[in-house]
Amino acid sequence: MLAAILYILVKLKIVRLNSFTGKSVKTTTKLSTSFKKINGIQYNDFLLKKDHNYVLHYDVELEEGSLDLLLRGKGKTSCSSNR
């Protein structure tokens, strides 16, 4: 019964399930993510030291849809990129 309700909510787009086709590798200093298809939200947390400079490199290629990249510090959005 619960599965039927969930199915209806997804079909009516009231509930959205995340789906990913790809890979993600994270180390202490680097994140490498590659997706063929992504439908949802992915979070990656990093602890950065105060009073240090950091450089973010990213390359995005989209055939359809959009990508929002949000960088937050202590709950505040510091930078936003929409591609």
C-alpha atoms as a PDB file:
ATOM      1  CA  MET A   1       0.000   0.000   0.000  1.00  0.00           C
ATOM      2  CA  LEU A   2       2.823   2.407   0.933  1.00  0.00           C
ATOM      3  CA  ALA A   3       4.638   1.627  -2.323  1.00  0.00           C
ATOM      4  CA  ALA A   4       1.506   2.480  -4.326  1.00  0.00           C
ATOM      5  CA  ILE A   5       1.152   5.846  -2.549  1.00  0.00           C
ATOM      6  CA  LEU A   6       4.833   6.640  -3.151  1.00  0.00           C
ATOM      7  CA  TYR A   7       4.456   5.706  -6.834  1.00  0.00           C
ATOM      8  CA  ILE A   8       1.493   8.088  -7.227  1.00  0.00           C
ATOM      9  CA  LEU A   9       3.324  10.931  -5.438  1.00  0.00           C
ATOM     10  CA  VAL A  10       6.354  10.505  -7.724  1.00  0.00           C
ATOM     11  CA  LYS A  11       4.183  10.409 -10.860  1.00  0.00           C
ATOM     12  CA  LEU A  12       2.385  13.594  -9.742  1.00  0.00           C
ATOM     13  CA  LYS A  13       5.829  15.155  -9.082  1.00  0.00           C
ATOM     14  CA  ILE A  14       4.934  15.845  -5.454  1.00  0.00           C
ATOM     15  CA  VAL A  15       7.838  13.669  -4.283  1.00  0.00           C
ATOM     16  CA  ARG A  16      11.119  13.591  -6.191  1.00  0.00           C
ATOM     17  CA  LEU A  17      13.566  10.722  -5.899  1.00  0.00           C
ATOM     18  CA  ASN A  18      17.240  11.260  -6.644  1.00  0.00           C
ATOM     19  CA  SER A  19      18.839   9.167  -9.349  1.00  0.00           C
ATOM     20  CA  PHE A  20      22.503   9.148 -10.352  1.00  0.00           C
ATOM     21  CA  THR A  21      24.425   7.438 -13.124  1.00  0.00           C
ATOM     22  CA  GLY A  22      28.117   8.123 -12.715  1.00  0.00           C
ATOM     23  CA  LYS A  23      30.943   8.090 -10.226  1.00  0.00           C
ATOM     24  CA  SER A  24      32.336  10.290  -7.495  1.00  0.00           C
ATOM     25  CA  VAL A  25      35.757  10.068  -5.816  1.00  0.00           C
ATOM     26  CA  LYS A  26      36.608  12.229  -2.801  1.00  0.00           C
ATOM     27  CA  THR A  27      39.932  12.552  -1.003  1.00  0.00           C
ATOM     28  CA  THR A  28      40.932  14.990   1.730  1.00  0.00           C
ATOM     29  CA  THR A  29      42.020  17.584  -0.854  1.00  0.00           C
ATOM     30  CA  LYS A  30      40.102  16.757  -4.034  1.00  0.00           C
ATOM     31  CA  LEU A  31      36.667  15.812  -5.348  1.00  0.00           C
ATOM     32  CA  SER A  32      36.218  14.330  -8.794  1.00  0.00           C
ATOM     33  CA  THR A  33      32.656  13.720  -9.964  1.00  0.00           C
ATOM     34  CA  SER A  34      31.423  12.542 -13.330  1.00  0.00           C
ATOM     35  CA  PHE A  35      27.781  11.912 -14.191  1.00  0.00           C
ATOM     36  CA  LYS A  36      26.085  10.726 -17.302  1.00  0.00           C
ATOM     37  CA  LYS A  37      22.698  11.421 -15.730  1.00  0.00           C
ATOM     38  CA  ILE A  38      21.782  13.137 -12.479  1.00  0.00           C
ATOM     39  CA  ASN A  39      18.322  13.879 -11.179  1.00  0.00           C
ATOM     40  CA  GLY A  40      18.423  15.358  -7.697  1.00  0.00           C
ATOM     41  CA  ILE A  41      20.806  16.930  -5.245  1.00  0.00           C
ATOM     42  CA  GLN A  42      24.325  15.922  -4.283  1.00  0.00           C
ATOM     43  CA  TYR A  43      26.126  17.417  -1.282  1.00  0.00           C
ATOM     44  CA  ASN A  44      29.887  17.353  -0.697  1.00  0.00           C
ATOM     45  CA  ASP A  45      31.316  18.811   2.495  1.00  0.00           C
ATOM     46  CA  PHE A  46      34.857  20.129   2.937  1.00  0.00           C
ATOM     47  CA  LEU A  47      36.488  21.636   5.981  1.00  0.00           C
ATOM     48  CA  LEU A  48      38.583  24.646   4.982  1.00  0.00           C
ATOM     49  CA  LYS A  49      41.019  26.505   7.202  1.00  0.00           C
ATOM     50  CA  LYS A  50      40.391  30.109   8.123  1.00  0.00           C
ATOM     51  CA  ASP A  51      42.649  32.755   6.517  1.00  0.00           C
ATOM     52  CA  HIS A  52      43.779  30.417   3.703  1.00  0.00           C
ATOM     53  CA  ASN A  53      43.191  30.916  -0.006  1.00  0.00           C
ATOM     54  CA  TYR A  54      41.617  28.138  -2.048  1.00  0.00           C
ATOM     55  CA  VAL A  55      41.122  27.672  -5.782  1.00  0.00           C
ATOM     56  CA  LEU A  56      38.132  25.851  -7.236  1.00  0.00           C
ATOM     57  CA  HIS A  57      38.473  24.298 -10.696  1.00  0.00           C
ATOM     58  CA  TYR A  58      35.450  22.875 -12.419  1.00  0.00           C
ATOM     59  CA  ASP A  59      34.410  21.966 -15.930  1.00  0.00           C
ATOM     60  CA  VAL A  60      30.734  21.487 -16.755  1.00  0.00           C
ATOM     61  CA  GLU A  61      29.170  20.233 -19.946  1.00  0.00           C
ATOM     62  CA  LEU A  62      25.371  19.961 -20.035  1.00  0.00           C
ATOM     63  CA  GLU A  63      23.209  18.669 -22.837  1.00  0.00           C
ATOM     64  CA  GLU A  64      19.965  19.374 -20.992  1.00  0.00           C
ATOM     65  CA  GLY A  65      18.828  20.899 -17.702  1.00  0.00           C
ATOM     66  CA  SER A  66      20.814  23.046 -15.309  1.00  0.00           C
ATOM     67  CA  LEU A  67      23.433  22.767 -12.594  1.00  0.00           C
ATOM     68  CA  ASP A  68      23.592  24.930  -9.475  1.00  0.00           C
ATOM     69  CA  LEU A  69      26.894  25.071  -7.628  1.00  0.00           C
ATOM     70  CA  LEU A  70      26.592  26.557  -4.136  1.00  0.00           C
ATOM     71  CA  LEU A  71      29.494  27.249  -1.802  1.00  0.00           C
ATOM     72  CA  ARG A  72      28.473  27.873   1.779  1.00  0.00           C
ATOM     73  CA  GLY A  73      30.314  28.914   4.890  1.00  0.00           C
ATOM     74  CA  LYS A  74      28.735  28.493   8.311  1.00  0.00           C
ATOM     75  CA  GLY A  75      25.254  28.257   6.848  1.00  0.00           C
ATOM     76  CA  LYS A  76      25.587  31.261   4.502  1.00  0.00           C
ATOM     77  CA  THR A  77      25.811  31.051   0.727  1.00  0.00           C
ATOM     78  CA  SER A  78      29.096  32.648  -0.322  1.00  0.00           C
ATOM     79  CA  CYS A  79      29.040  31.979  -4.052  1.00  0.00           C
ATOM     80  CA  SER A  80      26.537  30.628  -6.551  1.00  0.00           C
ATOM     81  CA  SER A  81      27.004  29.439 -10.117  1.00  0.00           C
ATOM     82  CA  ASN A  82      24.167  28.334 -12.399  1.00  0.00           C
ATOM     83  CA  ARG A  83      25.011  26.590 -15.666  1.00  0.00           C
END
